[in-house]
PDB file of N, CA and C in Angstrom:
ATOM      1  N   UNK A   1     -19.309 -12.398 -18.285  1.00  0.00           N
ATOM      2  CA  UNK A   1     -17.861 -12.360 -18.453  1.00  0.00           C
ATOM      3  C   UNK A   1     -17.216 -13.177 -17.334  1.00  0.00           C
ATOM      4  N   UNK A   2     -16.335 -14.075 -17.701  1.00  0.00           N
ATOM      5  CA  UNK A   2     -15.634 -14.907 -16.719  1.00  0.00           C
ATOM      6  C   UNK A   2     -14.523 -14.110 -16.051  1.00  0.00           C
ATOM      7  N   UNK A   3     -14.274 -14.380 -14.773  1.00  0.00           N
ATOM      8  CA  UNK A   3     -13.168 -13.676 -14.104  1.00  0.00           C
ATOM      9  C   UNK A   3     -11.824 -14.149 -14.658  1.00  0.00           C
ATOM     10  N   UNK A   4     -10.854 -13.248 -14.621  1.00  0.00           N
ATOM     11  CA  UNK A   4      -9.497 -13.574 -15.069  1.00  0.00           C
ATOM     12  C   UNK A   4      -8.804 -14.352 -13.958  1.00  0.00           C
ATOM     13  N   UNK A   5      -8.524 -15.611 -14.193  1.00  0.00           N
ATOM     14  CA  UNK A   5      -7.929 -16.465 -13.164  1.00  0.00           C
ATOM     15  C   UNK A   5      -6.428 -16.678 -13.359  1.00  0.00           C
ATOM     16  N   UNK A   6      -5.831 -15.927 -14.292  1.00  0.00           N
ATOM     17  CA  UNK A   6      -4.385 -16.059 -14.485  1.00  0.00           C
ATOM     18  C   UNK A   6      -3.644 -15.532 -13.261  1.00  0.00           C
ATOM     19  N   UNK A   7      -2.516 -16.155 -12.910  1.00  0.00           N
ATOM     20  CA  UNK A   7      -1.751 -15.627 -11.771  1.00  0.00           C
ATOM     21  C   UNK A   7      -1.211 -14.236 -12.096  1.00  0.00           C
ATOM     22  N   UNK A   8      -1.142 -13.402 -11.084  1.00  0.00           N
ATOM     23  CA  UNK A   8      -0.649 -12.044 -11.272  1.00  0.00           C
ATOM     24  C   UNK A   8       0.867 -12.028 -11.374  1.00  0.00           C
ATOM     25  N   UNK A   9       1.397 -11.203 -12.246  1.00  0.00           N
ATOM     26  CA  UNK A   9       2.839 -10.987 -12.306  1.00  0.00           C
ATOM     27  C   UNK A   9       3.202  -9.980 -11.228  1.00  0.00           C
ATOM     28  N   UNK A  10       4.469  -9.746 -11.014  1.00  0.00           N
ATOM     29  CA  UNK A  10       4.902  -8.783 -10.005  1.00  0.00           C
ATOM     30  C   UNK A  10       4.307  -7.402 -10.212  1.00  0.00           C
ATOM     31  N   UNK A  11       4.332  -6.926 -11.432  1.00  0.00           N
ATOM     32  CA  UNK A  11       3.791  -5.599 -11.742  1.00  0.00           C
ATOM     33  C   UNK A  11       2.276  -5.577 -11.550  1.00  0.00           C
ATOM     34  N   UNK A  12       1.605  -6.638 -11.990  1.00  0.00           N
ATOM     35  CA  UNK A  12       0.148  -6.724 -11.821  1.00  0.00           C
ATOM     36  C   UNK A  12      -0.228  -6.796 -10.347  1.00  0.00           C
ATOM     37  N   UNK A  13       0.555  -7.508  -9.562  1.00  0.00           N
ATOM     38  CA  UNK A  13       0.287  -7.626  -8.130  1.00  0.00           C
ATOM     39  C   UNK A  13       0.398  -6.261  -7.470  1.00  0.00           C
ATOM     40  N   UNK A  14       1.460  -5.526  -7.794  1.00  0.00           N
ATOM     41  CA  UNK A  14       1.653  -4.195  -7.221  1.00  0.00           C
ATOM     42  C   UNK A  14       0.490  -3.287  -7.607  1.00  0.00           C
ATOM     43  N   UNK A  15       0.130  -3.287  -8.873  1.00  0.00           N
ATOM     44  CA  UNK A  15      -0.969  -2.437  -9.350  1.00  0.00           C
ATOM     45  C   UNK A  15      -2.279  -2.799  -8.654  1.00  0.00           C
ATOM     46  N   UNK A  16      -2.518  -4.080  -8.474  1.00  0.00           N
ATOM     47  CA  UNK A  16      -3.731  -4.538  -7.804  1.00  0.00           C
ATOM     48  C   UNK A  16      -3.782  -4.019  -6.363  1.00  0.00           C
ATOM     49  N   UNK A  17      -2.646  -4.024  -5.691  1.00  0.00           N
ATOM     50  CA  UNK A  17      -2.573  -3.491  -4.321  1.00  0.00           C
ATOM     51  C   UNK A  17      -2.736  -1.973  -4.323  1.00  0.00           C
ATOM     52  N   UNK A  18      -2.136  -1.313  -5.294  1.00  0.00           N
ATOM     53  CA  UNK A  18      -2.245   0.143  -5.406  1.00  0.00           C
ATOM     54  C   UNK A  18      -3.704   0.559  -5.604  1.00  0.00           C
ATOM     55  N   UNK A  19      -4.451  -0.237  -6.330  1.00  0.00           N
ATOM     56  CA  UNK A  19      -5.858   0.054  -6.578  1.00  0.00           C
ATOM     57  C   UNK A  19      -6.763  -0.398  -5.427  1.00  0.00           C
ATOM     58  N   UNK A  20      -6.192  -1.055  -4.425  1.00  0.00           N
ATOM     59  CA  UNK A  20      -6.961  -1.514  -3.277  1.00  0.00           C
ATOM     60  C   UNK A  20      -7.705  -2.819  -3.507  1.00  0.00           C
ATOM     61  N   UNK A  21      -7.364  -3.522  -4.571  1.00  0.00           N
ATOM     62  CA  UNK A  21      -8.040  -4.784  -4.890  1.00  0.00           C
ATOM     63  C   UNK A  21      -7.463  -5.975  -4.134  1.00  0.00           C
ATOM     64  N   UNK A  22      -6.219  -5.871  -3.702  1.00  0.00           N
ATOM     65  CA  UNK A  22      -5.538  -6.928  -2.962  1.00  0.00           C
ATOM     66  C   UNK A  22      -4.890  -6.322  -1.729  1.00  0.00           C
ATOM     67  N   UNK A  23      -4.752  -7.096  -0.659  1.00  0.00           N
ATOM     68  CA  UNK A  23      -4.070  -6.574   0.532  1.00  0.00           C
ATOM     69  C   UNK A  23      -2.568  -6.450   0.277  1.00  0.00           C
ATOM     70  N   UNK A  24      -1.962  -5.465   0.879  1.00  0.00           N
ATOM     71  CA  UNK A  24      -0.531  -5.221   0.684  1.00  0.00           C
ATOM     72  C   UNK A  24       0.336  -6.365   1.202  1.00  0.00           C
ATOM     73  N   UNK A  25      -0.200  -7.210   2.063  1.00  0.00           N
ATOM     74  CA  UNK A  25       0.590  -8.318   2.614  1.00  0.00           C
ATOM     75  C   UNK A  25       1.045  -9.302   1.545  1.00  0.00           C
ATOM     76  N   UNK A  26       0.458  -9.270   0.348  1.00  0.00           N
ATOM     77  CA  UNK A  26       0.906 -10.182  -0.715  1.00  0.00           C
ATOM     78  C   UNK A  26       2.182  -9.677  -1.384  1.00  0.00           C
ATOM     79  N   UNK A  27       2.578  -8.438  -1.075  1.00  0.00           N
ATOM     80  CA  UNK A  27       3.799  -7.861  -1.642  1.00  0.00           C
ATOM     81  C   UNK A  27       4.995  -8.179  -0.765  1.00  0.00           C
ATOM     82  N   UNK A  28       6.185  -8.155  -1.375  1.00  0.00           N
ATOM     83  CA  UNK A  28       7.387  -8.288  -0.562  1.00  0.00           C
ATOM     84  C   UNK A  28       7.643  -6.954   0.143  1.00  0.00           C
ATOM     85  N   UNK A  29       8.587  -6.944   1.054  1.00  0.00           N
ATOM     86  CA  UNK A  29       8.840  -5.765   1.886  1.00  0.00           C
ATOM     87  C   UNK A  29       9.160  -4.527   1.057  1.00  0.00           C
ATOM     88  N   UNK A  30       9.992  -4.661   0.053  1.00  0.00           N
ATOM     89  CA  UNK A  30      10.389  -3.518  -0.767  1.00  0.00           C
ATOM     90  C   UNK A  30       9.192  -2.936  -1.505  1.00  0.00           C
ATOM     91  N   UNK A  31       8.364  -3.787  -2.084  1.00  0.00           N
ATOM     92  CA  UNK A  31       7.181  -3.310  -2.811  1.00  0.00           C
ATOM     93  C   UNK A  31       6.178  -2.673  -1.857  1.00  0.00           C
ATOM     94  N   UNK A  32       6.037  -3.220  -0.657  1.00  0.00           N
ATOM     95  CA  UNK A  32       5.127  -2.646   0.335  1.00  0.00           C
ATOM     96  C   UNK A  32       5.610  -1.252   0.742  1.00  0.00           C
ATOM     97  N   UNK A  33       6.916  -1.095   0.908  1.00  0.00           N
ATOM     98  CA  UNK A  33       7.474   0.222   1.233  1.00  0.00           C
ATOM     99  C   UNK A  33       7.216   1.206   0.104  1.00  0.00           C
ATOM    100  N   UNK A  34       7.398   0.755  -1.134  1.00  0.00           N
ATOM    101  CA  UNK A  34       7.153   1.606  -2.297  1.00  0.00           C
ATOM    102  C   UNK A  34       5.687   2.041  -2.351  1.00  0.00           C
ATOM    103  N   UNK A  35       4.795   1.110  -2.032  1.00  0.00           N
ATOM    104  CA  UNK A  35       3.363   1.399  -2.034  1.00  0.00           C
ATOM    105  C   UNK A  35       3.022   2.474  -0.994  1.00  0.00           C
ATOM    106  N   UNK A  36       3.526   2.311   0.206  1.00  0.00           N
ATOM    107  CA  UNK A  36       3.281   3.301   1.258  1.00  0.00           C
ATOM    108  C   UNK A  36       3.868   4.651   0.845  1.00  0.00           C
ATOM    109  N   UNK A  37       5.074   4.663   0.302  1.00  0.00           N
ATOM    110  CA  UNK A  37       5.710   5.918  -0.115  1.00  0.00           C
ATOM    111  C   UNK A  37       4.911   6.598  -1.221  1.00  0.00           C
ATOM    112  N   UNK A  38       4.400   5.823  -2.147  1.00  0.00           N
ATOM    113  CA  UNK A  38       3.637   6.394  -3.260  1.00  0.00           C
ATOM    114  C   UNK A  38       2.330   7.025  -2.767  1.00  0.00           C
ATOM    115  N   UNK A  39       1.620   6.320  -1.903  1.00  0.00           N
ATOM    116  CA  UNK A  39       0.365   6.862  -1.384  1.00  0.00           C
ATOM    117  C   UNK A  39       0.625   8.045  -0.445  1.00  0.00           C
ATOM    118  N   UNK A  40       1.708   7.966   0.325  1.00  0.00           N
ATOM    119  CA  UNK A  40       2.090   9.079   1.204  1.00  0.00           C
ATOM    120  C   UNK A  40       2.392  10.325   0.370  1.00  0.00           C
ATOM    121  N   UNK A  41       3.081  10.158  -0.754  1.00  0.00           N
ATOM    122  CA  UNK A  41       3.418  11.289  -1.619  1.00  0.00           C
ATOM    123  C   UNK A  41       2.161  11.960  -2.188  1.00  0.00           C
ATOM    124  N   UNK A  42       1.077  11.220  -2.262  1.00  0.00           N
ATOM    125  CA  UNK A  42      -0.192  11.775  -2.729  1.00  0.00           C
ATOM    126  C   UNK A  42      -0.939  12.503  -1.608  1.00  0.00           C
ATOM    127  N   UNK A  43      -0.358  12.494  -0.393  1.00  0.00           N
ATOM    128  CA  UNK A  43      -0.943  13.208   0.728  1.00  0.00           C
ATOM    129  C   UNK A  43      -1.836  12.359   1.616  1.00  0.00           C
ATOM    130  N   UNK A  44      -1.841  11.054   1.414  1.00  0.00           N
ATOM    131  CA  UNK A  44      -2.680  10.170   2.222  1.00  0.00           C
ATOM    132  C   UNK A  44      -2.123  10.056   3.636  1.00  0.00           C
ATOM    133  N   UNK A  45      -3.027   9.972   4.609  1.00  0.00           N
ATOM    134  CA  UNK A  45      -2.621   9.777   6.002  1.00  0.00           C
ATOM    135  C   UNK A  45      -2.333   8.293   6.245  1.00  0.00           C
ATOM    136  N   UNK A  46      -1.715   8.003   7.377  1.00  0.00           N
ATOM    137  CA  UNK A  46      -1.460   6.605   7.739  1.00  0.00           C
ATOM    138  C   UNK A  46      -2.761   5.807   7.787  1.00  0.00           C
ATOM    139  N   UNK A  47      -3.803   6.404   8.358  1.00  0.00           N
ATOM    140  CA  UNK A  47      -5.096   5.710   8.481  1.00  0.00           C
ATOM    141  C   UNK A  47      -5.693   5.421   7.104  1.00  0.00           C
ATOM    142  N   UNK A  48      -5.589   6.376   6.186  1.00  0.00           N
ATOM    143  CA  UNK A  48      -6.116   6.167   4.831  1.00  0.00           C
ATOM    144  C   UNK A  48      -5.335   5.078   4.101  1.00  0.00           C
ATOM    145  N   UNK A  49      -4.017   5.117   4.225  1.00  0.00           N
ATOM    146  CA  UNK A  49      -3.178   4.097   3.586  1.00  0.00           C
ATOM    147  C   UNK A  49      -3.491   2.724   4.176  1.00  0.00           C
ATOM    148  N   UNK A  50      -3.586   2.657   5.497  1.00  0.00           N
ATOM    149  CA  UNK A  50      -3.850   1.385   6.174  1.00  0.00           C
ATOM    150  C   UNK A  50      -5.175   0.785   5.720  1.00  0.00           C
ATOM    151  N   UNK A  51      -6.218   1.592   5.669  1.00  0.00           N
ATOM    152  CA  UNK A  51      -7.527   1.087   5.257  1.00  0.00           C
ATOM    153  C   UNK A  51      -7.501   0.623   3.804  1.00  0.00           C
ATOM    154  N   UNK A  52      -6.880   1.393   2.942  1.00  0.00           N
ATOM    155  CA  UNK A  52      -6.832   1.072   1.515  1.00  0.00           C
ATOM    156  C   UNK A  52      -6.022  -0.195   1.258  1.00  0.00           C
ATOM    157  N   UNK A  53      -4.908  -0.342   1.979  1.00  0.00           N
ATOM    158  CA  UNK A  53      -3.988  -1.464   1.745  1.00  0.00           C
ATOM    159  C   UNK A  53      -4.266  -2.660   2.658  1.00  0.00           C
ATOM    160  N   UNK A  54      -5.259  -2.512   3.531  1.00  0.00           N
ATOM    161  CA  UNK A  54      -5.643  -3.570   4.471  1.00  0.00           C
ATOM    162  C   UNK A  54      -4.493  -3.939   5.417  1.00  0.00           C
ATOM    163  N   UNK A  55      -3.874  -2.890   5.943  1.00  0.00           N
ATOM    164  CA  UNK A  55      -2.824  -3.042   6.948  1.00  0.00           C
ATOM    165  C   UNK A  55      -3.300  -2.306   8.201  1.00  0.00           C
ATOM    166  N   UNK A  56      -2.626  -2.519   9.306  1.00  0.00           N
ATOM    167  CA  UNK A  56      -2.935  -1.737  10.495  1.00  0.00           C
ATOM    168  C   UNK A  56      -2.272  -0.371  10.373  1.00  0.00           C
ATOM    169  N   UNK A  57      -2.789   0.603  11.120  1.00  0.00           N
ATOM    170  CA  UNK A  57      -2.149   1.917  11.126  1.00  0.00           C
ATOM    171  C   UNK A  57      -0.763   1.820  11.762  1.00  0.00           C
ATOM    172  N   UNK A  58      -0.599   0.885  12.696  1.00  0.00           N
ATOM    173  CA  UNK A  58       0.705   0.673  13.321  1.00  0.00           C
ATOM    174  C   UNK A  58       1.729   0.253  12.268  1.00  0.00           C
ATOM    175  N   UNK A  59       1.366  -0.719  11.444  1.00  0.00           N
ATOM    176  CA  UNK A  59       2.282  -1.196  10.395  1.00  0.00           C
ATOM    177  C   UNK A  59       2.570  -0.088   9.401  1.00  0.00           C
ATOM    178  N   UNK A  60       1.546   0.635   9.002  1.00  0.00           N
ATOM    179  CA  UNK A  60       1.732   1.729   8.047  1.00  0.00           C
ATOM    180  C   UNK A  60       2.669   2.785   8.626  1.00  0.00           C
ATOM    181  N   UNK A  61       2.460   3.144   9.875  1.00  0.00           N
ATOM    182  CA  UNK A  61       3.324   4.125  10.529  1.00  0.00           C
ATOM    183  C   UNK A  61       4.760   3.652  10.652  1.00  0.00           C
ATOM    184  N   UNK A  62       4.932   2.378  10.980  1.00  0.00           N
ATOM    185  CA  UNK A  62       6.289   1.814  11.073  1.00  0.00           C
ATOM    186  C   UNK A  62       7.004   1.898   9.734  1.00  0.00           C
ATOM    187  N   UNK A  63       6.307   1.541   8.659  1.00  0.00           N
ATOM    188  CA  UNK A  63       6.910   1.603   7.321  1.00  0.00           C
ATOM    189  C   UNK A  63       7.250   3.043   6.974  1.00  0.00           C
ATOM    190  N   UNK A  64       6.304   3.963   7.219  1.00  0.00           N
ATOM    191  CA  UNK A  64       6.547   5.379   6.920  1.00  0.00           C
ATOM    192  C   UNK A  64       7.753   5.901   7.679  1.00  0.00           C
ATOM    193  N   UNK A  65       7.837   5.573   8.962  1.00  0.00           N
ATOM    194  CA  UNK A  65       8.974   6.025   9.766  1.00  0.00           C
ATOM    195  C   UNK A  65      10.281   5.417   9.279  1.00  0.00           C
ATOM    196  N   UNK A  66      10.263   4.146   8.907  1.00  0.00           N
ATOM    197  CA  UNK A  66      11.463   3.478   8.404  1.00  0.00           C
ATOM    198  C   UNK A  66      11.960   4.172   7.128  1.00  0.00           C
ATOM    199  N   UNK A  67      11.006   4.713   6.342  1.00  0.00           N
ATOM    200  CA  UNK A  67      11.370   5.429   5.115  1.00  0.00           C
ATOM    201  C   UNK A  67      11.773   6.872   5.377  1.00  0.00           C
ATOM    202  N   UNK A  68      11.630   7.317   6.634  1.00  0.00           N
ATOM    203  CA  UNK A  68      12.001   8.691   6.983  1.00  0.00           C
ATOM    204  C   UNK A  68      10.995   9.732   6.526  1.00  0.00           C
ATOM    205  N   UNK A  69       9.730   9.327   6.382  1.00  0.00           N
ATOM    206  CA  UNK A  69       8.689  10.240   5.921  1.00  0.00           C
ATOM    207  C   UNK A  69       7.936  10.832   7.106  1.00  0.00           C
ATOM    208  N   UNK A  70       7.668  12.114   7.040  1.00  0.00           N
ATOM    209  CA  UNK A  70       6.887  12.775   8.096  1.00  0.00           C
ATOM    210  C   UNK A  70       5.425  12.398   7.920  1.00  0.00           C
ATOM    211  N   UNK A  71       4.667  12.366   9.007  1.00  0.00           N
ATOM    212  CA  UNK A  71       3.243  12.039   8.885  1.00  0.00           C
ATOM    213  C   UNK A  71       2.479  13.099   8.103  1.00  0.00           C
ATOM    214  N   UNK A  72       1.497  12.649   7.341  1.00  0.00           N
ATOM    215  CA  UNK A  72       0.551  13.567   6.704  1.00  0.00           C
ATOM    216  C   UNK A  72      -0.641  13.674   7.639  1.00  0.00           C
ATOM    217  N   UNK A  73      -1.155  14.867   7.759  1.00  0.00           N
ATOM    218  CA  UNK A  73      -2.326  15.086   8.606  1.00  0.00           C
ATOM    219  C   UNK A  73      -3.506  15.430   7.714  1.00  0.00           C
ATOM    220  N   UNK A  74      -4.611  14.726   7.913  1.00  0.00           N
ATOM    221  CA  UNK A  74      -5.823  14.971   7.118  1.00  0.00           C
ATOM    222  C   UNK A  74      -6.386  16.358   7.365  1.00  0.00           C
ATOM    223  N   UNK A  75      -7.120  16.798   6.398  1.00  0.00           N
ATOM    224  CA  UNK A  75      -7.723  18.149   6.516  1.00  0.00           C
ATOM    225  C   UNK A  75      -8.916  18.153   7.426  1.00  0.00           C
TER     226      UNK A  75
END
């Protein structure tokens, strides 16, 4: 099976980042914030979000704080 080489649309790009297939840096600021908020709402920690989205924990924490979200603590 040949790989799909079509360019990603905005929705496809977001979904690809949500699934961890692409780094979050390919998203614009608003979409990156939405991604962090969505994963945070699922109970993910900053470290888990950072690893999944290929961001630093510093960047993830900054985005979370900018959104006014309290940190999640892993079990």
